[in-house]
Protein backbone atom coordinates (compact mmCIF):
# COMPACT_ATOMS: atom_id res chain seq x y z
CA MET A 1 -0.91 47.91 -0.78
CA LEU A 2 -2.15 45.79 -3.21
CA VAL A 3 -2.45 42.48 -1.29
CA LYS A 4 -4.24 44.29 1.61
CA LEU A 5 -6.43 45.84 -1.34
CA ALA A 6 -6.64 42.89 -2.63
CA TRP A 7 -8.24 40.87 0.25
CA ARG A 8 -10.50 43.23 0.85
CA ASN A 9 -11.88 43.12 -2.25
CA LEU A 10 -12.09 39.42 -1.90
CA TRP A 11 -13.72 39.67 0.86
CA ARG A 12 -16.64 42.17 -0.11
CA ASN A 13 -18.91 39.55 -0.77
CA LYS A 14 -18.58 37.19 1.98
CA LEU A 15 -21.50 34.86 0.68
CA ARG A 16 -19.83 34.30 -2.44
CA THR A 17 -16.29 33.99 -0.95
CA ALA A 18 -17.52 31.50 1.59
CA ILE A 19 -19.17 29.14 -0.71
CA ILE A 20 -15.90 28.98 -3.30
CA LEU A 21 -13.71 28.26 -0.29
CA GLY A 22 -16.50 25.71 1.16
CA ALA A 23 -16.52 24.33 -2.24
CA MET A 24 -12.61 23.84 -2.84
CA VAL A 25 -12.18 22.83 1.23
CA PHE A 26 -14.87 19.85 0.76
CA GLY A 27 -13.76 19.01 -2.55
CA LEU A 28 -9.67 19.03 -1.20
CA VAL A 29 -10.98 16.68 1.56
CA GLY A 30 -12.78 14.30 -0.21
CA VAL A 31 -9.82 13.81 -2.82
CA THR A 32 -7.15 13.22 -0.02
CA ALA A 33 -9.76 11.09 1.42
CA MET A 34 -9.72 8.88 -1.83
CA MET A 35 -5.99 8.85 -1.88
CA GLY A 36 -5.55 8.22 1.73
CA PHE A 37 -8.52 5.16 1.17
CA MET A 38 -5.93 3.92 -2.08
CA THR A 39 -2.74 3.90 -0.01
CA GLY A 40 -3.67 2.71 2.85
CA PHE A 41 -5.20 -0.51 1.03
CA VAL A 42 -2.13 -0.71 -0.99
CA ASP A 43 0.12 -0.52 2.07
CA SER A 44 -2.34 -3.48 3.78
CA MET A 45 -1.73 -5.52 0.98
CA LEU A 46 2.60 -4.67 1.24
CA SER A 47 2.99 -4.93 4.73
CA ASN A 48 0.87 -8.32 4.83
CA ALA A 49 2.37 -9.93 2.15
CA ILE A 50 5.54 -9.25 3.08
CA ARG A 51 4.67 -10.18 7.36
CA TRP A 52 3.01 -13.56 6.36
CA GLN A 53 4.13 -14.82 2.60
CA THR A 54 7.09 -13.14 1.35
CA SER A 55 9.32 -11.44 3.86
CA HIS A 56 12.27 -9.01 2.31
CA LEU A 57 13.56 -11.38 0.75
CA GLN A 58 13.34 -15.66 -0.76
CA ILE A 59 16.35 -17.92 -1.53
CA HIS A 60 15.55 -20.77 -3.67
CA ASN A 61 17.02 -23.08 -6.42
CA THR A 62 16.36 -21.76 -9.74
CA GLN A 63 14.86 -24.75 -11.02
CA TYR A 64 12.52 -24.77 -8.10
CA ILE A 65 10.92 -21.53 -9.42
CA ARG A 66 10.21 -23.20 -12.89
CA ASN A 67 9.04 -26.42 -11.28
CA PRO A 68 8.25 -26.88 -7.51
CA ASP A 69 9.76 -30.00 -7.34
CA ILE A 70 10.89 -31.63 -4.00
CA ALA A 71 14.26 -32.66 -4.69
CA GLU A 72 15.04 -29.22 -6.07
CA GLN A 73 16.77 -27.68 -3.08
CA VAL A 74 19.52 -24.63 -2.16
CA SER A 75 22.74 -25.88 -2.23
CA GLU A 76 24.33 -25.74 1.31
CA GLY A 77 20.99 -24.77 2.06
CA GLU A 78 20.91 -24.69 5.90
CA ARG A 79 24.77 -23.33 6.22
CA LEU A 80 23.84 -20.25 3.81
CA ALA A 81 20.86 -19.38 6.16
CA GLN A 82 23.23 -18.94 8.75
CA GLN A 83 25.77 -17.24 7.19
CA LEU A 84 22.44 -15.09 6.63
CA ARG A 85 21.88 -14.19 9.94
CA ALA A 86 25.02 -13.68 10.77
CA LEU A 87 24.66 -10.57 8.54
CA PRO A 88 24.03 -7.17 9.86
CA ASP A 89 21.23 -5.48 8.01
CA VAL A 90 19.04 -8.84 8.66
CA ASP A 91 16.58 -9.05 11.11
CA THR A 92 15.47 -13.11 10.75
CA VAL A 93 15.87 -15.74 8.65
CA SER A 94 13.79 -18.92 8.27
CA ALA A 95 15.16 -22.41 6.15
CA ARG A 96 11.90 -24.70 5.17
CA PHE A 97 11.42 -27.59 3.61
CA ILE A 98 8.19 -27.51 1.41
CA ALA A 99 6.26 -29.90 -0.79
CA VAL A 100 3.74 -30.08 -3.03
CA GLY A 101 0.84 -33.05 -1.98
CA MET A 102 -2.20 -33.40 -0.28
CA VAL A 103 -3.92 -33.12 3.30
CA ALA A 104 -6.61 -35.61 3.92
CA SER A 105 -9.28 -36.08 6.60
CA ALA A 106 -12.23 -38.74 7.64
CA ARG A 107 -14.37 -36.12 5.49
CA SER A 108 -12.75 -34.21 2.67
CA ASN A 109 -9.23 -34.07 1.17
CA ARG A 110 -7.56 -30.54 -0.56
CA GLY A 111 -4.44 -29.77 -2.15
CA VAL A 112 -1.89 -27.92 -0.22
CA ARG A 113 1.83 -26.36 0.41
CA ILE A 114 3.27 -28.57 3.22
CA ASN A 115 5.49 -26.13 4.56
CA GLY A 116 8.41 -27.45 6.99
CA ILE A 117 9.33 -24.87 9.07
CA ASP A 118 11.42 -24.04 12.16
CA ILE A 119 10.08 -23.33 15.32
CA GLU A 120 11.90 -20.41 16.52
CA ASP A 121 12.75 -19.08 13.51
CA GLU A 122 9.16 -18.99 11.72
CA ALA A 123 7.76 -17.44 14.91
CA ARG A 124 10.06 -14.99 14.18
CA ILE A 125 9.89 -14.01 10.92
CA THR A 126 6.20 -13.79 10.78
CA PRO A 127 2.68 -13.27 13.27
CA LEU A 128 1.73 -16.71 12.83
CA SER A 129 2.30 -17.43 16.18
CA THR A 130 0.33 -15.23 17.76
CA LYS A 131 -2.29 -15.31 15.22
CA LEU A 132 -3.94 -18.57 16.38
CA SER A 133 -7.77 -18.86 16.45
CA GLU A 134 -7.96 -21.92 18.32
CA GLY A 135 -4.93 -24.54 19.60
CA GLU A 136 -1.24 -23.55 20.03
CA TRP A 137 1.75 -23.12 18.26
CA LEU A 138 3.70 -25.84 17.02
CA SER A 139 6.33 -27.28 19.51
CA ARG A 140 9.15 -29.33 19.81
CA GLU A 141 6.83 -32.66 22.14
CA GLY A 142 4.03 -34.63 20.53
CA ARG A 143 3.85 -36.87 16.81
CA ASN A 144 3.74 -34.97 13.63
CA PRO A 145 1.58 -31.86 15.26
CA ILE A 146 0.35 -29.81 12.16
CA LEU A 147 -1.35 -26.02 12.01
CA VAL A 148 -4.46 -25.36 9.27
CA SER A 149 -6.26 -22.43 8.60
CA GLN A 150 -9.57 -21.60 9.62
CA LYS A 151 -11.02 -22.16 6.48
CA LEU A 152 -9.22 -25.63 5.79
CA SER A 153 -10.53 -26.88 8.95
CA GLU A 154 -13.87 -25.77 8.05
CA ARG A 155 -13.56 -27.54 4.35
CA LEU A 156 -12.15 -30.86 6.08
CA LYS A 157 -14.06 -30.49 8.99
CA LEU A 158 -11.03 -30.09 11.73
CA ARG A 159 -10.37 -29.31 14.93
CA VAL A 160 -7.93 -29.05 17.79
CA GLY A 161 -6.62 -32.79 18.20
CA SER A 162 -8.10 -34.04 14.65
CA LYS A 163 -6.35 -36.75 13.03
CA VAL A 164 -5.11 -36.35 8.87
CA VAL A 165 -3.23 -37.62 6.71
CA VAL A 166 -0.68 -35.89 4.64
CA THR A 167 0.71 -36.96 1.46
CA PHE A 168 3.21 -35.92 -0.99
CA THR A 169 5.81 -36.94 -4.31
CA ASP A 170 8.98 -38.08 -2.88
CA ALA A 171 12.34 -37.67 -4.47
CA GLY A 172 12.01 -41.16 -6.31
CA GLY A 173 8.67 -40.49 -7.97
CA GLN A 174 7.20 -42.47 -5.04
CA VAL A 175 4.23 -41.54 -3.19
CA VAL A 176 4.72 -41.36 0.48
CA GLY A 177 2.30 -40.04 3.64
CA ALA A 178 2.27 -39.36 7.54
CA ALA A 179 -0.29 -39.37 9.67
CA TYR A 180 -0.55 -35.96 11.66
CA ARG A 181 -2.93 -34.18 13.92
CA VAL A 182 -4.44 -30.44 14.92
CA ARG A 183 -2.51 -28.89 17.10
CA GLY A 184 -3.68 -25.05 16.25
CA ILE A 185 -5.47 -23.51 13.52
CA PHE A 186 -4.56 -20.32 12.22
CA SER A 187 -5.85 -16.91 9.95
CA THR A 188 -4.57 -15.09 8.09
CA PRO A 189 -5.31 -11.71 5.75
CA SER A 190 -5.19 -13.50 2.38
CA THR A 191 -8.18 -16.17 1.38
CA GLN A 192 -5.59 -17.04 -1.09
CA PHE A 193 -2.62 -18.31 1.72
CA ASP A 194 -5.13 -20.30 4.07
CA GLU A 195 -6.81 -22.41 1.05
CA GLY A 196 -2.95 -23.44 0.16
CA ASN A 197 -0.50 -24.09 3.42
CA VAL A 198 -0.25 -25.81 5.76
CA LEU A 199 2.61 -25.62 9.04
CA VAL A 200 4.38 -28.73 10.40
CA ARG A 201 7.73 -29.37 11.61
CA LYS A 202 10.85 -29.57 9.25
CA SER A 203 11.96 -32.28 10.88
CA ASP A 204 8.75 -34.30 10.65
CA LEU A 205 8.21 -33.60 7.22
CA GLN A 206 11.58 -33.95 6.09
CA LYS A 207 11.15 -37.43 8.16
CA THR A 208 8.56 -38.17 6.29
CA ALA A 209 10.25 -37.57 3.08
CA ALA A 210 13.40 -39.01 3.66
CA MET A 211 15.61 -36.33 2.49
CA LYS A 212 17.39 -33.52 4.87
CA GLY A 213 17.62 -29.67 2.86
CA VAL A 214 15.73 -26.61 2.50
CA HIS A 215 13.62 -25.10 -0.70
CA GLU A 216 13.00 -21.87 0.60
CA ILE A 217 15.21 -19.49 2.76
CA ALA A 218 12.69 -16.45 3.94
CA ILE A 219 15.27 -13.58 4.78
CA LEU A 220 13.24 -10.42 6.97
CA LEU A 221 15.17 -7.06 7.35
CA LYS A 222 15.56 -4.40 9.70
CA ASP A 223 15.92 -1.75 7.68
CA SER A 224 12.88 -1.73 4.35
CA GLN A 225 14.73 1.06 3.12
CA ALA A 226 17.93 -1.22 2.43
CA LEU A 227 16.44 -4.13 -0.25
CA GLU A 228 18.50 -3.37 -3.15
CA THR A 229 21.90 -2.83 -1.33
CA ILE A 230 21.15 -5.61 0.99
CA LYS A 231 19.63 -7.61 -1.79
CA THR A 232 23.40 -7.00 -3.75
CA ASP A 233 25.66 -7.99 -0.99
CA ILE A 234 23.92 -11.68 -0.85
CA ILE A 235 23.92 -12.59 -4.00
CA GLN A 236 27.62 -11.87 -4.36
CA MET A 237 28.01 -14.03 -1.22
CA VAL A 238 26.32 -16.56 -2.67
CA GLU A 239 27.92 -16.62 -5.53
CA GLU A 240 31.57 -16.82 -3.85
CA GLU A 241 29.95 -19.93 -2.03
CA SER A 242 30.05 -20.78 -5.46
CA THR A 243 26.31 -21.90 -5.96
CA GLY A 244 25.01 -18.76 -7.46
CA SER A 245 24.67 -20.65 -10.81
CA ARG A 246 21.48 -22.63 -9.23
CA ILE A 247 20.80 -20.56 -7.03
CA SER A 248 18.03 -17.19 -7.24
CA VAL A 249 17.76 -14.19 -5.06
CA ARG A 250 14.32 -12.49 -5.11
CA ASP A 251 13.07 -9.73 -3.53
CA TRP A 252 8.75 -9.37 -2.74
CA GLN A 253 8.80 -7.56 -5.85
CA GLN A 254 9.88 -10.07 -8.21
CA ILE A 255 7.98 -12.50 -5.97
CA GLN A 256 4.26 -10.38 -6.50
CA PRO A 257 4.71 -8.47 -9.27
CA MET A 258 0.94 -7.60 -9.32
CA LEU A 259 1.64 -5.85 -5.61
CA ALA A 260 4.85 -4.20 -7.02
CA THR A 261 2.85 -2.68 -10.11
CA MET A 262 -0.28 -1.75 -8.18
CA MET A 263 2.60 0.65 -6.13
CA ASN A 264 3.65 1.65 -8.71
CA THR A 265 0.13 2.73 -10.51
CA MET A 266 -0.65 4.12 -7.24
CA ASP A 267 1.01 7.46 -7.92
CA VAL A 268 -0.27 8.14 -11.22
CA SER A 269 -3.88 7.27 -9.85
CA ASN A 270 -3.76 9.73 -7.13
CA ARG A 271 -2.13 12.10 -9.80
CA ILE A 272 -5.12 11.64 -11.84
CA ILE A 273 -8.01 12.15 -9.27
CA LEU A 274 -6.14 15.97 -8.13
CA ILE A 275 -6.06 16.36 -11.45
CA ILE A 276 -9.59 15.88 -11.85
CA PHE A 277 -10.34 17.90 -9.34
CA VAL A 278 -7.76 20.62 -10.14
CA ILE A 279 -9.66 20.93 -13.23
CA ALA A 280 -13.15 21.31 -11.82
CA MET A 281 -11.62 24.19 -8.85
CA MET A 282 -10.81 26.13 -11.96
CA PHE A 283 -14.07 26.56 -13.42
CA GLY A 284 -15.09 27.71 -10.41
CA ILE A 285 -12.71 29.63 -9.50
CA ILE A 286 -12.89 31.36 -13.31
CA ASN A 287 -17.17 31.54 -13.09
CA ILE A 288 -16.64 33.56 -9.21
CA MET A 289 -13.95 36.21 -10.80
CA LEU A 290 -15.41 36.85 -14.35
CA MET A 291 -18.68 38.05 -12.27
CA SER A 292 -16.11 39.61 -9.83
CA VAL A 293 -14.89 41.87 -12.17
CA PHE A 294 -17.83 42.78 -14.65
CA GLU A 295 -19.47 43.81 -11.25
CA ARG A 296 -16.66 46.42 -10.87
CA THR A 297 -16.22 46.93 -13.76
CA GLN A 298 -17.29 50.84 -13.44
CA GLU A 299 -14.58 50.83 -10.47
CA PHE A 300 -12.05 49.46 -12.55
CA GLY A 301 -12.48 52.20 -15.36
CA VAL A 302 -12.17 54.86 -12.16
CA LEU A 303 -8.73 53.60 -10.98
CA MET A 304 -7.09 53.78 -14.87
CA ALA A 305 -9.19 57.08 -15.18
CA VAL A 306 -6.79 58.46 -12.09
CA GLY A 307 -3.99 56.76 -13.35
CA MET A 308 -3.93 53.48 -11.76
CA GLN A 309 -1.33 51.82 -14.82
CA LYS A 310 -3.14 48.90 -16.57
CA HIS A 311 -0.39 46.43 -15.34
CA LYS A 312 -1.56 46.96 -11.44
CA VAL A 313 -4.98 46.38 -12.36
CA PHE A 314 -4.03 42.94 -13.59
CA SER A 315 -1.41 42.58 -10.44
CA LEU A 316 -5.01 43.39 -8.03
CA ILE A 317 -6.69 40.82 -10.15
CA MET A 318 -4.37 38.53 -9.90
CA LEU A 319 -3.55 38.81 -6.15
CA GLU A 320 -7.69 38.28 -5.59
CA THR A 321 -7.57 34.74 -7.21
CA THR A 322 -4.36 33.93 -5.87
CA MET A 323 -5.34 34.73 -2.20
CA LEU A 324 -8.44 32.61 -2.79
CA GLY A 325 -6.83 29.59 -4.30
CA ALA A 326 -4.13 29.54 -1.47
CA THR A 327 -6.78 29.95 1.45
CA GLY A 328 -9.44 27.08 0.33
CA ALA A 329 -5.94 25.07 -0.58
CA LEU A 330 -4.75 25.69 2.97
CA LEU A 331 -7.63 24.75 5.21
CA GLY A 332 -8.82 22.38 2.87
CA LEU A 333 -5.65 20.49 3.66
CA VAL A 334 -5.83 21.31 7.11
CA ALA A 335 -9.15 19.67 7.22
CA SER A 336 -7.51 16.98 5.26
CA ALA A 337 -4.55 16.53 7.98
CA ALA A 338 -7.26 16.13 10.66
CA LEU A 339 -9.45 13.34 9.73
CA MET A 340 -6.44 11.37 7.83
CA ALA A 341 -5.06 11.49 11.58
CA ILE A 342 -8.44 10.55 12.80
CA LEU A 343 -8.72 7.83 10.64
CA HIS A 344 -4.98 6.87 10.97
CA HIS A 345 -5.33 6.67 14.58
CA TYR A 346 -8.59 4.82 14.91
CA GLY A 347 -8.66 2.92 11.53
CA ILE A 348 -11.92 2.52 9.37
CA SER A 349 -13.19 -1.57 10.16
CA LEU A 350 -14.41 -3.18 6.89
CA ALA A 351 -15.71 -6.42 8.88
CA SER A 352 -18.77 -6.33 6.55
CA VAL A 353 -16.22 -7.15 3.46
CA SER A 354 -13.88 -9.26 4.50
CA ASP A 355 -14.75 -12.25 2.37
CA GLY A 356 -14.18 -10.01 -0.78
CA LEU A 357 -11.02 -8.38 1.14
CA GLY A 358 -9.76 -11.61 1.95
CA ALA A 359 -8.75 -12.51 -1.65
CA TYR A 360 -7.00 -9.73 -1.85
CA GLY A 361 -4.77 -9.84 1.24
CA ILE A 362 -6.38 -7.03 3.07
CA ASP A 363 -6.48 -6.17 6.80
CA THR A 364 -10.61 -6.04 7.97
CA VAL A 365 -9.34 -3.04 9.90
CA LEU A 366 -7.85 -0.32 7.22
CA TYR A 367 -5.35 3.04 8.52
CA PRO A 368 -6.08 5.82 5.27
CA ARG A 369 -2.67 7.65 4.76
CA VAL A 370 -1.80 10.50 3.14
CA SER A 371 2.79 11.32 3.27
CA TYR A 372 3.75 14.76 3.36
CA ARG A 373 5.24 14.85 0.07
CA GLU A 374 1.24 14.13 -1.41
CA TYR A 375 0.31 17.70 0.56
CA GLN A 376 2.76 19.42 -0.61
CA ILE A 377 1.82 18.33 -4.32
CA THR A 378 -1.68 19.03 -3.37
CA PHE A 379 -0.87 22.49 -1.94
CA VAL A 380 1.37 23.32 -5.02
CA THR A 381 -1.03 21.87 -7.70
CA VAL A 382 -3.98 24.39 -6.46
CA PHE A 383 -2.13 27.22 -5.98
CA VAL A 384 -0.74 27.30 -9.86
CA ALA A 385 -4.15 26.64 -11.02
CA SER A 386 -5.99 29.33 -8.99
CA VAL A 387 -2.35 31.63 -10.84
CA LEU A 388 -3.95 30.40 -13.97
CA ALA A 389 -7.35 30.79 -13.33
CA ALA A 390 -7.04 34.02 -12.87
CA ILE A 391 -5.00 35.41 -16.18
CA TYR A 392 -8.81 34.87 -17.67
CA PRO A 393 -10.57 36.69 -15.78
CA ALA A 394 -7.84 40.06 -15.37
CA ARG A 395 -7.50 39.84 -19.48
CA GLN A 396 -11.28 40.73 -19.86
CA ILE A 397 -11.07 43.74 -17.98
CA LEU A 398 -7.58 45.20 -19.93
CA LYS A 399 -9.67 44.83 -23.06
CA GLN A 400 -11.50 47.56 -22.15
CA ARG A 401 -10.72 51.12 -22.64
CA PRO A 402 -10.80 53.35 -18.96
CA VAL A 403 -14.20 55.37 -20.80
CA ASP A 404 -15.96 52.45 -21.59
CA ALA A 405 -15.30 51.15 -18.19
CA MET A 406 -16.31 53.77 -16.63
CA ALA A 407 -19.81 53.65 -18.82
CA GLU A 408 -20.31 50.27 -17.76
CA LYS A 409 -23.81 49.71 -16.24
CA ASN A 410 -24.00 46.54 -14.31
């Protein structure tokens, strides 16, 4: 009976109720959109960092992390990489020979990280082979092919077929180098990666350096949720090989701590945005309900005079406010979910600010996303806030005696 009466009372003034519901719906859509955009930005950064740069796990010589000297290699790196490929939870492994040096053209030169890669392994662990803007992926044919980025090619005035000279310091401290020819030009979402990396065949770089071995083993997992478990297993495997004292196994959070911090603070940021909205919404509900209660002071006085208990009057006002909040939250989340589904499917082009996004490794097409858990938290928060907002208006009417309430003039 009270529920039915509360719902009818809520729609006595249709315009007022519609206005507050509209404000709640538009507010929730705005809040959810902001949460979705923030999540989409972080998702893009994380996905690109793992796909293009860090993978899920990397293995280095401990000394190499502190000082990337070409002499600090992973002991028995090739054999370790082969063992890692046999693990059931590992998708792909790439063992790299790396040198820090300089690439020079006839026009200019630039300091870069020279990545000596296995062609097949690298094509599986990163999308680079499918993201070439010009030329072709590395192959086993040809003498000293090299891949450079679009940005680097512009700085050094290079094109496919151009000749460059790659120099670096070998293990003995001597400067060594060789001539390479541009085989392809790539472009990634990360400006920092593009400006500081070139790719060559591992065998060619090892020949130039006159040494074998690997400096970095990148590991891509089948299931990222099992990261910690697999990392522990790999650490144990490395230790059993008696090389663990000089080998470091790091996940993407340790390799890029800033990105990990952003992931951890994203939830806090979303909660702050939601709380600000809820506080503003509470004041709106309190205002609407106070107006509704004071307009019906005589009515409540009559109800109490004919025997309606005060706790039922209190419950009636609480139900009205709760229904208002629940209806607004439900409509707002339905509209938000529909909007997020459309935006996540089609994406939002941010090509006009691609240079700024590239500094953070974010794609030019953003796909906002809001998780089911965030929808739940939002609904519960708005519902609880509505209940709390009902207490003050309900208490105001209970302070009056029935005779005084009936004598009240609107």
